[in-house]
N, C-alpha and C. Protein backbone atom coordinates (compact mmCIF):
# COMPACT_ATOMS: atom_id res chain seq x y z
N UNK A 1 1.46 -10.96 -6.79
CA UNK A 1 0.08 -11.20 -6.38
C UNK A 1 -0.35 -12.52 -6.98
N UNK A 2 -0.67 -13.50 -6.14
CA UNK A 2 -0.95 -14.85 -6.64
C UNK A 2 -2.43 -15.14 -6.76
N UNK A 3 -3.22 -14.79 -5.73
CA UNK A 3 -4.63 -15.19 -5.72
C UNK A 3 -5.43 -14.26 -4.79
N UNK A 4 -6.68 -14.03 -5.14
CA UNK A 4 -7.61 -13.34 -4.24
C UNK A 4 -8.29 -14.42 -3.41
N UNK A 5 -7.91 -14.50 -2.16
CA UNK A 5 -8.39 -15.59 -1.30
C UNK A 5 -9.81 -15.36 -0.82
N UNK A 6 -10.14 -14.11 -0.44
CA UNK A 6 -11.45 -13.83 0.13
C UNK A 6 -11.73 -12.34 0.00
N UNK A 7 -13.00 -12.00 -0.17
CA UNK A 7 -13.41 -10.61 -0.24
C UNK A 7 -14.37 -10.29 0.89
N UNK A 8 -14.23 -9.08 1.44
CA UNK A 8 -15.09 -8.63 2.53
C UNK A 8 -15.69 -7.29 2.14
N UNK A 9 -17.01 -7.24 1.97
CA UNK A 9 -17.69 -6.00 1.61
C UNK A 9 -18.94 -5.83 2.46
N UNK A 10 -19.02 -4.72 3.16
CA UNK A 10 -20.21 -4.39 3.94
C UNK A 10 -20.50 -2.90 3.81
N UNK A 11 -21.74 -2.53 4.06
CA UNK A 11 -22.13 -1.13 4.00
C UNK A 11 -22.70 -0.69 5.34
N UNK A 12 -22.70 0.61 5.55
CA UNK A 12 -23.11 1.17 6.83
C UNK A 12 -24.01 2.37 6.59
N UNK A 13 -25.13 2.41 7.28
CA UNK A 13 -26.05 3.54 7.12
C UNK A 13 -25.44 4.80 7.75
N UNK A 14 -25.26 5.87 6.96
CA UNK A 14 -24.67 7.09 7.51
C UNK A 14 -25.68 7.88 8.33
N UNK A 15 -25.18 8.85 9.07
CA UNK A 15 -26.06 9.67 9.90
C UNK A 15 -26.90 10.64 9.05
N UNK A 16 -26.36 11.00 7.88
CA UNK A 16 -27.08 11.90 6.99
C UNK A 16 -27.49 11.17 5.71
N UNK A 17 -28.48 11.73 5.03
CA UNK A 17 -28.95 11.15 3.78
C UNK A 17 -27.86 11.23 2.70
N UNK A 18 -27.83 10.21 1.86
CA UNK A 18 -26.89 10.21 0.74
C UNK A 18 -27.44 11.12 -0.35
N UNK A 19 -26.63 12.04 -0.80
CA UNK A 19 -27.08 13.00 -1.81
C UNK A 19 -27.20 12.33 -3.18
N UNK A 20 -27.95 12.98 -4.07
CA UNK A 20 -28.11 12.44 -5.43
C UNK A 20 -26.77 12.36 -6.15
N UNK A 21 -25.90 13.35 -5.88
CA UNK A 21 -24.59 13.37 -6.54
C UNK A 21 -23.76 12.15 -6.14
N UNK A 22 -23.76 11.83 -4.84
CA UNK A 22 -23.00 10.66 -4.37
C UNK A 22 -23.58 9.38 -4.95
N UNK A 23 -24.90 9.31 -5.05
CA UNK A 23 -25.54 8.14 -5.65
C UNK A 23 -25.13 7.99 -7.11
N UNK A 24 -25.03 9.12 -7.82
CA UNK A 24 -24.61 9.07 -9.22
C UNK A 24 -23.19 8.53 -9.36
N UNK A 25 -22.33 8.91 -8.40
CA UNK A 25 -20.92 8.49 -8.47
C UNK A 25 -20.75 7.03 -8.04
N UNK A 26 -21.45 6.63 -6.97
CA UNK A 26 -21.21 5.31 -6.36
C UNK A 26 -22.29 4.28 -6.65
N UNK A 27 -23.47 4.74 -7.11
CA UNK A 27 -24.65 3.89 -7.31
C UNK A 27 -25.22 3.37 -5.99
N UNK A 28 -24.78 3.93 -4.86
CA UNK A 28 -25.30 3.53 -3.56
C UNK A 28 -26.48 4.44 -3.21
N UNK A 29 -27.61 3.83 -2.87
CA UNK A 29 -28.82 4.59 -2.56
C UNK A 29 -29.12 4.55 -1.06
N UNK A 30 -29.99 5.46 -0.63
CA UNK A 30 -30.40 5.48 0.78
C UNK A 30 -31.14 4.20 1.15
N UNK A 31 -31.93 3.67 0.22
CA UNK A 31 -32.66 2.43 0.48
C UNK A 31 -31.71 1.26 0.70
N UNK A 32 -30.59 1.26 -0.03
CA UNK A 32 -29.63 0.16 0.06
C UNK A 32 -28.94 0.10 1.41
N UNK A 33 -28.70 1.26 2.04
CA UNK A 33 -27.95 1.29 3.30
C UNK A 33 -28.85 1.32 4.53
N UNK A 34 -30.14 1.46 4.32
CA UNK A 34 -31.05 1.60 5.46
C UNK A 34 -30.96 0.39 6.40
N UNK A 35 -30.68 0.68 7.67
CA UNK A 35 -30.61 -0.35 8.69
C UNK A 35 -29.35 -1.20 8.65
N UNK A 36 -28.41 -0.87 7.78
CA UNK A 36 -27.19 -1.67 7.63
C UNK A 36 -26.06 -1.11 8.52
N UNK A 37 -25.22 -2.00 9.01
CA UNK A 37 -24.05 -1.60 9.80
C UNK A 37 -22.92 -2.60 9.58
N UNK A 38 -21.71 -2.15 9.83
CA UNK A 38 -20.54 -3.01 9.65
C UNK A 38 -20.36 -3.91 10.86
N UNK A 39 -20.16 -5.16 10.61
CA UNK A 39 -19.90 -6.14 11.68
C UNK A 39 -18.40 -6.12 11.97
N UNK A 40 -18.01 -5.38 13.00
CA UNK A 40 -16.59 -5.19 13.29
C UNK A 40 -15.94 -6.45 13.83
N UNK A 41 -16.71 -7.34 14.43
CA UNK A 41 -16.15 -8.62 14.89
C UNK A 41 -15.73 -9.46 13.68
N UNK A 42 -16.58 -9.49 12.66
CA UNK A 42 -16.23 -10.22 11.43
C UNK A 42 -15.03 -9.57 10.75
N UNK A 43 -15.01 -8.24 10.77
CA UNK A 43 -13.89 -7.53 10.15
C UNK A 43 -12.58 -7.86 10.87
N UNK A 44 -12.61 -7.91 12.21
CA UNK A 44 -11.42 -8.24 12.99
C UNK A 44 -10.90 -9.62 12.60
N UNK A 45 -11.79 -10.58 12.46
CA UNK A 45 -11.38 -11.92 12.05
C UNK A 45 -10.83 -11.92 10.64
N UNK A 46 -11.43 -11.08 9.80
CA UNK A 46 -11.03 -11.04 8.39
C UNK A 46 -9.59 -10.56 8.23
N UNK A 47 -9.19 -9.55 9.01
CA UNK A 47 -7.84 -8.99 8.86
C UNK A 47 -6.83 -9.58 9.84
N UNK A 48 -7.23 -10.57 10.62
CA UNK A 48 -6.37 -11.09 11.68
C UNK A 48 -5.05 -11.64 11.16
N UNK A 49 -5.05 -12.18 9.94
CA UNK A 49 -3.83 -12.76 9.38
C UNK A 49 -3.12 -11.83 8.40
N UNK A 50 -3.59 -10.60 8.30
CA UNK A 50 -3.02 -9.66 7.32
C UNK A 50 -1.63 -9.20 7.74
N UNK A 51 -0.74 -9.09 6.77
CA UNK A 51 0.60 -8.55 7.01
C UNK A 51 0.66 -7.06 6.74
N UNK A 52 -0.27 -6.56 5.91
CA UNK A 52 -0.27 -5.15 5.54
C UNK A 52 -1.65 -4.78 4.98
N UNK A 53 -2.03 -3.51 5.16
CA UNK A 53 -3.25 -2.96 4.58
C UNK A 53 -2.83 -1.96 3.51
N UNK A 54 -3.35 -2.11 2.30
CA UNK A 54 -2.97 -1.24 1.19
C UNK A 54 -4.15 -0.36 0.81
N UNK A 55 -3.88 0.92 0.65
CA UNK A 55 -4.93 1.88 0.28
C UNK A 55 -4.36 2.90 -0.69
N UNK A 56 -5.22 3.39 -1.59
CA UNK A 56 -4.81 4.46 -2.50
C UNK A 56 -5.20 5.78 -1.84
N UNK A 57 -4.29 6.31 -1.05
CA UNK A 57 -4.43 7.50 -0.18
C UNK A 57 -4.71 7.06 1.25
N UNK A 58 -3.75 6.39 1.84
CA UNK A 58 -3.90 5.83 3.19
C UNK A 58 -4.10 6.90 4.26
N UNK A 59 -3.50 8.07 4.08
CA UNK A 59 -3.65 9.14 5.08
C UNK A 59 -5.08 9.64 5.15
N UNK A 60 -5.84 9.44 4.09
CA UNK A 60 -7.27 9.79 4.08
C UNK A 60 -8.12 8.66 4.64
N UNK A 61 -7.79 7.42 4.23
CA UNK A 61 -8.63 6.27 4.60
C UNK A 61 -8.41 5.79 6.03
N UNK A 62 -7.16 5.80 6.50
CA UNK A 62 -6.89 5.22 7.81
C UNK A 62 -7.65 5.89 8.96
N UNK A 63 -7.69 7.24 9.02
CA UNK A 63 -8.42 7.86 10.13
C UNK A 63 -9.89 7.45 10.20
N UNK A 64 -10.51 7.16 9.04
CA UNK A 64 -11.90 6.69 9.05
C UNK A 64 -12.00 5.32 9.72
N UNK A 65 -11.08 4.42 9.38
CA UNK A 65 -11.09 3.10 10.00
C UNK A 65 -10.76 3.19 11.48
N UNK A 66 -9.74 3.97 11.82
CA UNK A 66 -9.30 4.06 13.21
C UNK A 66 -10.38 4.65 14.13
N UNK A 67 -11.29 5.42 13.55
CA UNK A 67 -12.37 6.03 14.33
C UNK A 67 -13.29 4.96 14.91
N UNK A 68 -13.45 3.85 14.19
CA UNK A 68 -14.37 2.80 14.61
C UNK A 68 -13.67 1.50 15.02
N UNK A 69 -12.42 1.36 14.60
CA UNK A 69 -11.71 0.10 14.85
C UNK A 69 -10.27 0.43 15.20
N UNK A 70 -9.89 0.18 16.44
CA UNK A 70 -8.56 0.57 16.90
C UNK A 70 -7.86 -0.59 17.58
N UNK A 71 -6.59 -0.37 17.90
CA UNK A 71 -5.84 -1.37 18.65
C UNK A 71 -5.08 -2.36 17.79
N UNK A 72 -5.27 -2.32 16.48
CA UNK A 72 -4.55 -3.26 15.62
C UNK A 72 -3.15 -2.71 15.33
N UNK A 73 -2.22 -3.58 15.00
CA UNK A 73 -0.83 -3.19 14.74
C UNK A 73 -0.38 -3.54 13.32
N UNK A 74 -1.31 -3.62 12.43
CA UNK A 74 -0.99 -3.95 11.04
C UNK A 74 -0.53 -2.68 10.32
N UNK A 75 0.63 -2.70 9.69
CA UNK A 75 1.10 -1.51 8.96
C UNK A 75 0.28 -1.25 7.70
N UNK A 76 0.24 0.02 7.31
CA UNK A 76 -0.45 0.43 6.09
C UNK A 76 0.57 0.77 5.01
N UNK A 77 0.18 0.53 3.77
CA UNK A 77 0.95 1.01 2.62
C UNK A 77 0.04 1.91 1.80
N UNK A 78 0.63 2.92 1.18
CA UNK A 78 -0.14 3.87 0.39
C UNK A 78 0.34 3.82 -1.06
N UNK A 79 -0.56 3.46 -1.96
CA UNK A 79 -0.16 3.33 -3.37
C UNK A 79 -0.03 4.69 -4.06
N UNK A 80 -0.30 5.78 -3.34
CA UNK A 80 0.04 7.11 -3.86
C UNK A 80 1.45 7.48 -3.42
N UNK A 81 1.74 7.33 -2.12
CA UNK A 81 3.00 7.80 -1.57
C UNK A 81 4.15 6.80 -1.68
N UNK A 82 3.84 5.51 -1.66
CA UNK A 82 4.90 4.51 -1.67
C UNK A 82 5.33 4.09 -3.08
N UNK A 83 4.70 4.67 -4.09
CA UNK A 83 5.12 4.50 -5.47
C UNK A 83 5.34 5.88 -6.06
N UNK A 84 6.49 6.11 -6.65
CA UNK A 84 6.82 7.44 -7.16
C UNK A 84 6.25 7.63 -8.56
N UNK A 85 4.93 7.91 -8.62
CA UNK A 85 4.26 8.09 -9.90
C UNK A 85 4.78 9.33 -10.63
N UNK A 86 5.08 10.39 -9.89
CA UNK A 86 5.55 11.62 -10.51
C UNK A 86 6.84 11.39 -11.27
N UNK A 87 7.74 10.60 -10.68
CA UNK A 87 9.01 10.27 -11.34
C UNK A 87 8.77 9.50 -12.64
N UNK A 88 7.65 8.79 -12.70
CA UNK A 88 7.32 8.01 -13.89
C UNK A 88 6.56 8.86 -14.92
N UNK A 89 6.29 10.12 -14.56
CA UNK A 89 5.56 11.00 -15.46
C UNK A 89 4.06 10.77 -15.46
N UNK A 90 3.53 10.23 -14.35
CA UNK A 90 2.12 9.88 -14.27
C UNK A 90 1.40 10.66 -13.17
N UNK A 91 0.08 10.84 -13.34
CA UNK A 91 -0.76 11.41 -12.30
C UNK A 91 -0.98 10.37 -11.20
N UNK A 92 -1.49 10.82 -10.04
CA UNK A 92 -1.68 9.89 -8.93
C UNK A 92 -3.12 9.41 -8.76
N UNK A 93 -4.07 10.01 -9.47
CA UNK A 93 -5.47 9.59 -9.33
C UNK A 93 -5.63 8.17 -9.85
N UNK A 94 -6.33 7.35 -9.07
CA UNK A 94 -6.49 5.94 -9.41
C UNK A 94 -7.16 5.76 -10.77
N UNK A 95 -8.22 6.53 -11.04
CA UNK A 95 -8.94 6.38 -12.31
C UNK A 95 -8.02 6.65 -13.50
N UNK A 96 -7.19 7.69 -13.39
CA UNK A 96 -6.28 8.03 -14.49
C UNK A 96 -5.19 6.97 -14.66
N UNK A 97 -4.68 6.46 -13.55
CA UNK A 97 -3.67 5.40 -13.62
C UNK A 97 -4.22 4.14 -14.28
N UNK A 98 -5.47 3.83 -13.96
CA UNK A 98 -6.09 2.65 -14.57
C UNK A 98 -6.23 2.83 -16.08
N UNK A 99 -6.70 4.00 -16.49
CA UNK A 99 -6.87 4.27 -17.93
C UNK A 99 -5.53 4.22 -18.64
N UNK A 100 -4.50 4.80 -18.02
CA UNK A 100 -3.16 4.78 -18.62
C UNK A 100 -2.68 3.35 -18.85
N UNK A 101 -3.08 2.44 -17.94
CA UNK A 101 -2.63 1.05 -18.04
C UNK A 101 -3.64 0.17 -18.78
N UNK A 102 -4.64 0.81 -19.41
CA UNK A 102 -5.50 0.08 -20.33
C UNK A 102 -6.76 -0.52 -19.77
N UNK A 103 -7.26 -0.06 -18.63
CA UNK A 103 -8.52 -0.59 -18.10
C UNK A 103 -9.23 0.49 -17.29
N UNK A 104 -10.48 0.26 -16.94
CA UNK A 104 -11.24 1.23 -16.14
C UNK A 104 -12.42 0.53 -15.49
N UNK A 105 -13.02 1.22 -14.51
CA UNK A 105 -14.25 0.74 -13.86
C UNK A 105 -15.40 1.68 -14.19
N UNK A 106 -16.62 1.15 -14.13
CA UNK A 106 -17.78 1.94 -14.50
C UNK A 106 -18.12 3.02 -13.48
N UNK A 107 -17.95 2.74 -12.20
CA UNK A 107 -18.30 3.73 -11.19
C UNK A 107 -17.44 3.57 -9.94
N UNK A 108 -17.43 4.63 -9.13
CA UNK A 108 -16.55 4.72 -7.97
C UNK A 108 -17.21 4.09 -6.75
N UNK A 109 -16.80 2.87 -6.44
CA UNK A 109 -17.30 2.17 -5.27
C UNK A 109 -16.16 1.37 -4.67
N UNK A 110 -16.19 1.17 -3.35
CA UNK A 110 -15.03 0.64 -2.64
C UNK A 110 -14.53 -0.68 -3.22
N UNK A 111 -15.44 -1.64 -3.43
CA UNK A 111 -14.97 -2.94 -3.92
C UNK A 111 -14.40 -2.84 -5.34
N UNK A 112 -14.98 -1.95 -6.16
CA UNK A 112 -14.44 -1.75 -7.50
C UNK A 112 -13.06 -1.11 -7.45
N UNK A 113 -12.90 -0.14 -6.54
CA UNK A 113 -11.60 0.53 -6.40
C UNK A 113 -10.53 -0.45 -5.92
N UNK A 114 -10.91 -1.35 -5.02
CA UNK A 114 -9.96 -2.36 -4.53
C UNK A 114 -9.52 -3.27 -5.68
N UNK A 115 -10.50 -3.72 -6.48
CA UNK A 115 -10.16 -4.58 -7.62
C UNK A 115 -9.25 -3.85 -8.60
N UNK A 116 -9.57 -2.57 -8.84
CA UNK A 116 -8.76 -1.77 -9.78
C UNK A 116 -7.34 -1.60 -9.27
N UNK A 117 -7.22 -1.28 -7.97
CA UNK A 117 -5.89 -1.07 -7.40
C UNK A 117 -5.07 -2.36 -7.44
N UNK A 118 -5.70 -3.47 -7.10
CA UNK A 118 -4.98 -4.75 -7.12
C UNK A 118 -4.48 -5.06 -8.53
N UNK A 119 -5.33 -4.81 -9.52
CA UNK A 119 -4.94 -5.07 -10.90
C UNK A 119 -3.82 -4.12 -11.33
N UNK A 120 -3.92 -2.86 -10.91
CA UNK A 120 -2.88 -1.88 -11.23
C UNK A 120 -1.53 -2.32 -10.69
N UNK A 121 -1.51 -2.81 -9.46
CA UNK A 121 -0.26 -3.19 -8.81
C UNK A 121 0.42 -4.39 -9.45
N UNK A 122 -0.31 -5.14 -10.28
CA UNK A 122 0.32 -6.27 -10.97
C UNK A 122 1.07 -5.82 -12.23
N UNK A 123 0.90 -4.54 -12.61
CA UNK A 123 1.62 -4.01 -13.76
C UNK A 123 3.05 -3.63 -13.34
N UNK A 124 3.88 -3.37 -14.32
CA UNK A 124 5.28 -3.06 -14.05
C UNK A 124 5.68 -1.72 -14.65
N UNK A 125 6.68 -1.10 -14.05
CA UNK A 125 7.27 0.12 -14.58
C UNK A 125 7.91 -0.19 -15.93
N UNK A 126 7.57 0.59 -16.94
CA UNK A 126 8.08 0.32 -18.29
C UNK A 126 9.59 0.47 -18.39
N UNK A 127 10.17 1.32 -17.55
CA UNK A 127 11.61 1.54 -17.62
C UNK A 127 12.40 0.53 -16.80
N UNK A 128 11.96 0.26 -15.57
CA UNK A 128 12.72 -0.63 -14.69
C UNK A 128 12.26 -2.09 -14.77
N UNK A 129 11.06 -2.30 -15.35
CA UNK A 129 10.45 -3.63 -15.41
C UNK A 129 10.14 -4.18 -14.01
N UNK A 130 10.13 -3.31 -13.03
CA UNK A 130 9.84 -3.71 -11.65
C UNK A 130 8.34 -3.60 -11.41
N UNK A 131 7.75 -4.65 -10.84
CA UNK A 131 6.32 -4.64 -10.57
C UNK A 131 5.99 -3.56 -9.53
N UNK A 132 4.89 -2.84 -9.75
CA UNK A 132 4.49 -1.78 -8.82
C UNK A 132 4.29 -2.33 -7.41
N UNK A 133 3.75 -3.53 -7.31
CA UNK A 133 3.51 -4.13 -6.00
C UNK A 133 4.83 -4.27 -5.23
N UNK A 134 5.87 -4.69 -5.91
CA UNK A 134 7.17 -4.85 -5.28
C UNK A 134 7.72 -3.50 -4.83
N UNK A 135 7.59 -2.50 -5.69
CA UNK A 135 8.06 -1.16 -5.33
C UNK A 135 7.31 -0.63 -4.11
N UNK A 136 6.00 -0.83 -4.08
CA UNK A 136 5.18 -0.36 -2.96
C UNK A 136 5.59 -1.02 -1.65
N UNK A 137 5.74 -2.35 -1.66
CA UNK A 137 6.07 -3.08 -0.43
C UNK A 137 7.46 -2.68 0.08
N UNK A 138 8.44 -2.60 -0.81
CA UNK A 138 9.79 -2.23 -0.39
C UNK A 138 9.82 -0.85 0.25
N UNK A 139 9.09 0.08 -0.33
CA UNK A 139 9.08 1.44 0.21
C UNK A 139 8.28 1.51 1.51
N UNK A 140 7.16 0.79 1.56
CA UNK A 140 6.28 0.84 2.73
C UNK A 140 6.96 0.30 3.98
N UNK A 141 7.88 -0.65 3.81
CA UNK A 141 8.54 -1.26 4.97
C UNK A 141 9.90 -0.61 5.28
N UNK A 142 10.18 0.51 4.65
CA UNK A 142 11.40 1.26 4.99
C UNK A 142 11.15 2.07 6.26
N UNK A 143 12.05 1.98 7.26
CA UNK A 143 11.86 2.72 8.52
C UNK A 143 11.72 4.22 8.27
N UNK A 144 10.81 4.86 9.01
CA UNK A 144 10.52 6.27 8.83
C UNK A 144 10.69 7.04 10.14
N UNK A 145 10.97 8.34 9.98
CA UNK A 145 10.99 9.28 11.10
C UNK A 145 10.15 10.49 10.71
N UNK A 146 9.60 11.16 11.71
CA UNK A 146 8.90 12.41 11.50
C UNK A 146 9.80 13.55 11.99
N UNK A 147 10.13 14.46 11.07
CA UNK A 147 10.92 15.63 11.44
C UNK A 147 9.95 16.78 11.68
N UNK A 148 10.02 17.37 12.84
CA UNK A 148 9.07 18.41 13.24
C UNK A 148 9.83 19.70 13.54
N UNK A 149 9.60 20.72 12.75
CA UNK A 149 10.18 22.05 13.00
C UNK A 149 9.16 22.85 13.79
N UNK A 150 9.43 23.07 15.07
CA UNK A 150 8.44 23.75 15.90
C UNK A 150 8.77 25.22 16.15
N UNK A 151 9.91 25.66 15.62
CA UNK A 151 10.23 27.09 15.69
C UNK A 151 11.14 27.45 14.52
N UNK A 152 10.78 28.51 13.80
CA UNK A 152 11.60 28.95 12.67
C UNK A 152 11.29 30.41 12.35
N UNK A 153 12.23 31.05 11.68
CA UNK A 153 11.99 32.42 11.21
C UNK A 153 10.93 32.39 10.13
N UNK A 154 10.08 33.41 10.15
CA UNK A 154 9.00 33.49 9.16
C UNK A 154 9.57 33.52 7.74
N UNK A 155 10.74 34.15 7.60
CA UNK A 155 11.36 34.29 6.28
C UNK A 155 11.79 32.94 5.68
N UNK A 156 11.90 31.92 6.52
CA UNK A 156 12.36 30.61 6.05
C UNK A 156 11.22 29.71 5.55
N UNK A 157 9.97 30.17 5.66
CA UNK A 157 8.83 29.30 5.36
C UNK A 157 8.86 28.78 3.92
N UNK A 158 9.27 29.64 2.99
CA UNK A 158 9.34 29.22 1.58
C UNK A 158 10.35 28.12 1.36
N UNK A 159 11.52 28.28 1.97
CA UNK A 159 12.58 27.27 1.83
C UNK A 159 12.19 25.97 2.50
N UNK A 160 11.57 26.07 3.67
CA UNK A 160 11.13 24.87 4.40
C UNK A 160 10.10 24.09 3.57
N UNK A 161 9.15 24.81 3.00
CA UNK A 161 8.13 24.16 2.18
C UNK A 161 8.76 23.54 0.94
N UNK A 162 9.72 24.23 0.34
CA UNK A 162 10.39 23.73 -0.85
C UNK A 162 11.11 22.40 -0.56
N UNK A 163 11.56 22.23 0.67
CA UNK A 163 12.29 21.01 1.04
C UNK A 163 11.38 19.89 1.51
N UNK A 164 10.09 20.01 1.20
CA UNK A 164 9.18 18.89 1.40
C UNK A 164 8.40 18.88 2.69
N UNK A 165 8.47 19.96 3.46
CA UNK A 165 7.70 20.03 4.71
C UNK A 165 6.30 20.58 4.43
N UNK A 166 5.35 20.17 5.24
CA UNK A 166 4.01 20.74 5.17
C UNK A 166 3.63 21.27 6.53
N UNK A 167 2.81 22.32 6.54
CA UNK A 167 2.39 22.93 7.79
C UNK A 167 1.24 22.14 8.40
N UNK A 168 1.39 21.76 9.67
CA UNK A 168 0.34 21.04 10.38
C UNK A 168 -0.35 22.00 11.35
N UNK A 169 -1.58 22.41 11.07
CA UNK A 169 -2.29 23.29 12.00
C UNK A 169 -2.60 22.60 13.32
N UNK A 170 -2.63 21.25 13.31
CA UNK A 170 -2.94 20.51 14.53
C UNK A 170 -1.89 20.74 15.61
N UNK A 171 -0.62 20.76 15.21
CA UNK A 171 0.46 20.95 16.19
C UNK A 171 1.23 22.24 15.95
N UNK A 172 0.74 23.04 14.97
CA UNK A 172 1.35 24.34 14.66
C UNK A 172 2.86 24.21 14.42
N UNK A 173 3.21 23.29 13.54
CA UNK A 173 4.62 23.01 13.23
C UNK A 173 4.73 22.56 11.78
N UNK A 174 5.96 22.69 11.25
CA UNK A 174 6.27 22.14 9.94
C UNK A 174 6.67 20.68 10.12
N UNK A 175 6.14 19.78 9.30
CA UNK A 175 6.40 18.35 9.46
C UNK A 175 6.82 17.71 8.14
N UNK A 176 7.66 16.70 8.26
CA UNK A 176 8.06 15.93 7.09
C UNK A 176 8.32 14.49 7.51
N UNK A 177 7.68 13.56 6.83
CA UNK A 177 7.95 12.15 7.04
C UNK A 177 9.08 11.74 6.11
N UNK A 178 10.15 11.23 6.66
CA UNK A 178 11.34 10.92 5.85
C UNK A 178 11.83 9.51 6.16
N UNK A 179 12.48 8.92 5.18
CA UNK A 179 13.12 7.63 5.43
C UNK A 179 14.29 7.82 6.38
N UNK A 180 14.46 6.85 7.24
CA UNK A 180 15.49 6.96 8.27
C UNK A 180 16.89 7.02 7.67
N UNK A 181 17.08 6.38 6.51
CA UNK A 181 18.43 6.34 5.93
C UNK A 181 18.85 7.65 5.28
N UNK A 182 17.92 8.63 5.17
CA UNK A 182 18.30 9.95 4.64
C UNK A 182 18.24 11.03 5.72
N UNK A 183 18.07 10.61 6.97
CA UNK A 183 17.96 11.58 8.06
C UNK A 183 19.21 12.45 8.18
N UNK A 184 20.38 11.85 8.02
CA UNK A 184 21.63 12.61 8.13
C UNK A 184 21.67 13.74 7.10
N UNK A 185 21.20 13.47 5.89
CA UNK A 185 21.15 14.50 4.86
C UNK A 185 20.19 15.61 5.25
N UNK A 186 19.05 15.23 5.81
CA UNK A 186 18.07 16.23 6.25
C UNK A 186 18.66 17.13 7.35
N UNK A 187 19.39 16.52 8.28
CA UNK A 187 20.00 17.29 9.36
C UNK A 187 21.05 18.26 8.82
N UNK A 188 21.81 17.81 7.83
CA UNK A 188 22.80 18.69 7.19
C UNK A 188 22.10 19.89 6.55
N UNK A 189 20.94 19.66 5.96
CA UNK A 189 20.19 20.76 5.36
C UNK A 189 19.76 21.77 6.43
N UNK A 190 19.40 21.28 7.60
CA UNK A 190 19.03 22.17 8.69
C UNK A 190 20.21 23.03 9.13
N UNK A 191 21.37 22.42 9.17
CA UNK A 191 22.57 23.15 9.58
C UNK A 191 22.82 24.32 8.64
N UNK A 192 22.55 24.10 7.36
CA UNK A 192 22.72 25.16 6.37
C UNK A 192 21.70 26.27 6.58
N UNK A 193 20.46 25.88 6.93
CA UNK A 193 19.40 26.87 7.15
C UNK A 193 19.53 27.59 8.48
N UNK A 194 20.11 26.90 9.44
CA UNK A 194 20.02 27.35 10.83
C UNK A 194 21.27 28.11 11.30
N UNK A 195 21.84 28.89 10.43
CA UNK A 195 23.05 29.65 10.80
C UNK A 195 22.76 30.67 11.90
N UNK A 196 21.52 31.15 11.93
CA UNK A 196 21.15 32.14 12.96
C UNK A 196 20.71 31.48 14.25
N UNK A 197 20.53 30.16 14.21
CA UNK A 197 20.08 29.45 15.41
C UNK A 197 18.61 29.62 15.71
N UNK A 198 17.85 30.14 14.74
CA UNK A 198 16.43 30.42 14.97
C UNK A 198 15.52 29.23 14.66
N UNK A 199 16.08 28.17 14.12
CA UNK A 199 15.28 27.02 13.73
C UNK A 199 15.45 25.90 14.75
N UNK A 200 14.35 25.48 15.34
CA UNK A 200 14.38 24.40 16.32
C UNK A 200 13.52 23.24 15.82
N UNK A 201 14.02 22.04 15.99
CA UNK A 201 13.30 20.88 15.47
C UNK A 201 13.53 19.67 16.37
N UNK A 202 12.73 18.65 16.16
CA UNK A 202 12.95 17.36 16.82
C UNK A 202 12.61 16.25 15.85
N UNK A 203 13.14 15.07 16.14
CA UNK A 203 12.94 13.91 15.28
C UNK A 203 12.23 12.82 16.08
N UNK A 204 11.15 12.28 15.51
CA UNK A 204 10.36 11.26 16.19
C UNK A 204 10.37 9.99 15.35
N UNK A 205 10.78 8.87 15.94
CA UNK A 205 10.68 7.59 15.25
C UNK A 205 9.21 7.21 15.07
N UNK A 206 8.86 6.77 13.88
CA UNK A 206 7.47 6.39 13.60
C UNK A 206 7.42 4.90 13.29
N UNK A 207 6.86 4.09 14.19
CA UNK A 207 6.73 2.66 13.91
C UNK A 207 5.90 2.44 12.65
N UNK A 208 6.18 1.39 11.91
CA UNK A 208 5.45 1.11 10.68
C UNK A 208 3.95 1.03 10.91
N UNK A 209 3.55 0.52 12.07
CA UNK A 209 2.13 0.36 12.36
C UNK A 209 1.44 1.69 12.64
N UNK A 210 2.21 2.77 12.80
CA UNK A 210 1.63 4.08 13.11
C UNK A 210 1.59 5.00 11.89
N UNK A 211 2.16 4.58 10.78
CA UNK A 211 2.19 5.43 9.59
C UNK A 211 0.79 5.70 9.07
N UNK A 212 0.61 6.90 8.52
CA UNK A 212 -0.65 7.35 7.91
C UNK A 212 -1.73 7.68 8.92
N UNK A 213 -1.38 7.75 10.20
CA UNK A 213 -2.32 8.22 11.21
C UNK A 213 -2.32 9.74 11.21
N UNK A 214 -3.28 10.32 11.93
CA UNK A 214 -3.26 11.76 12.16
C UNK A 214 -2.00 12.12 12.90
N UNK A 215 -1.46 13.31 12.61
CA UNK A 215 -0.19 13.73 13.17
C UNK A 215 -0.19 13.71 14.70
N UNK A 216 -1.29 14.08 15.32
CA UNK A 216 -1.36 14.08 16.79
C UNK A 216 -1.21 12.67 17.36
N UNK A 217 -1.77 11.70 16.66
CA UNK A 217 -1.69 10.31 17.12
C UNK A 217 -0.29 9.74 16.93
N UNK A 218 0.44 10.24 15.94
CA UNK A 218 1.79 9.76 15.68
C UNK A 218 2.77 10.23 16.74
N UNK A 219 2.64 11.48 17.16
CA UNK A 219 3.64 12.07 18.06
C UNK A 219 3.23 12.09 19.51
N UNK A 220 2.07 11.50 19.85
CA UNK A 220 1.61 11.56 21.25
C UNK A 220 2.55 10.79 22.16
């Protein structure tokens, strides 16, 4: 990370009143957002040269952006999922990661969180000496596939979950996003589970620009 070239911060008046609790957390008041809206034309120009969008929990943040701004093909990286914090013995919450690395912010607001995340990514793994930013980018640009189990014996649900799948109520299937280079291993695992032939699945290539979208949007 060499330089912060430009910052873009805007606020938008929500449909409902901001509660006192949210104001305590973010310091954003109803008076501050009254009559305000995001200029999406300016935002489009702002991200036009971007190679990647980085978020701490991209699967949560991206659907909010896509609801109002669509059609872009910029890939997302997730600083929760694309960095193996658990392997490092760390929690994934941004505030805790910042404190562990010796800094913190006074309150939870988007521009503060962005600054915190950027600063966090300039730190390095104590064991590998590899910068977190490098680890995130390398993992984020690894080709991915979505493995979808759309039929299985009820008795296998525990084993399926143990192997990293999560249940998607949207498509009523077990799903797992996996790196393409480990797909063969995943298929071998299915062969071991599927001796009765009761497990049916399919594999969907996921373009980098489609990662972290809602599952229905990925497989449509």
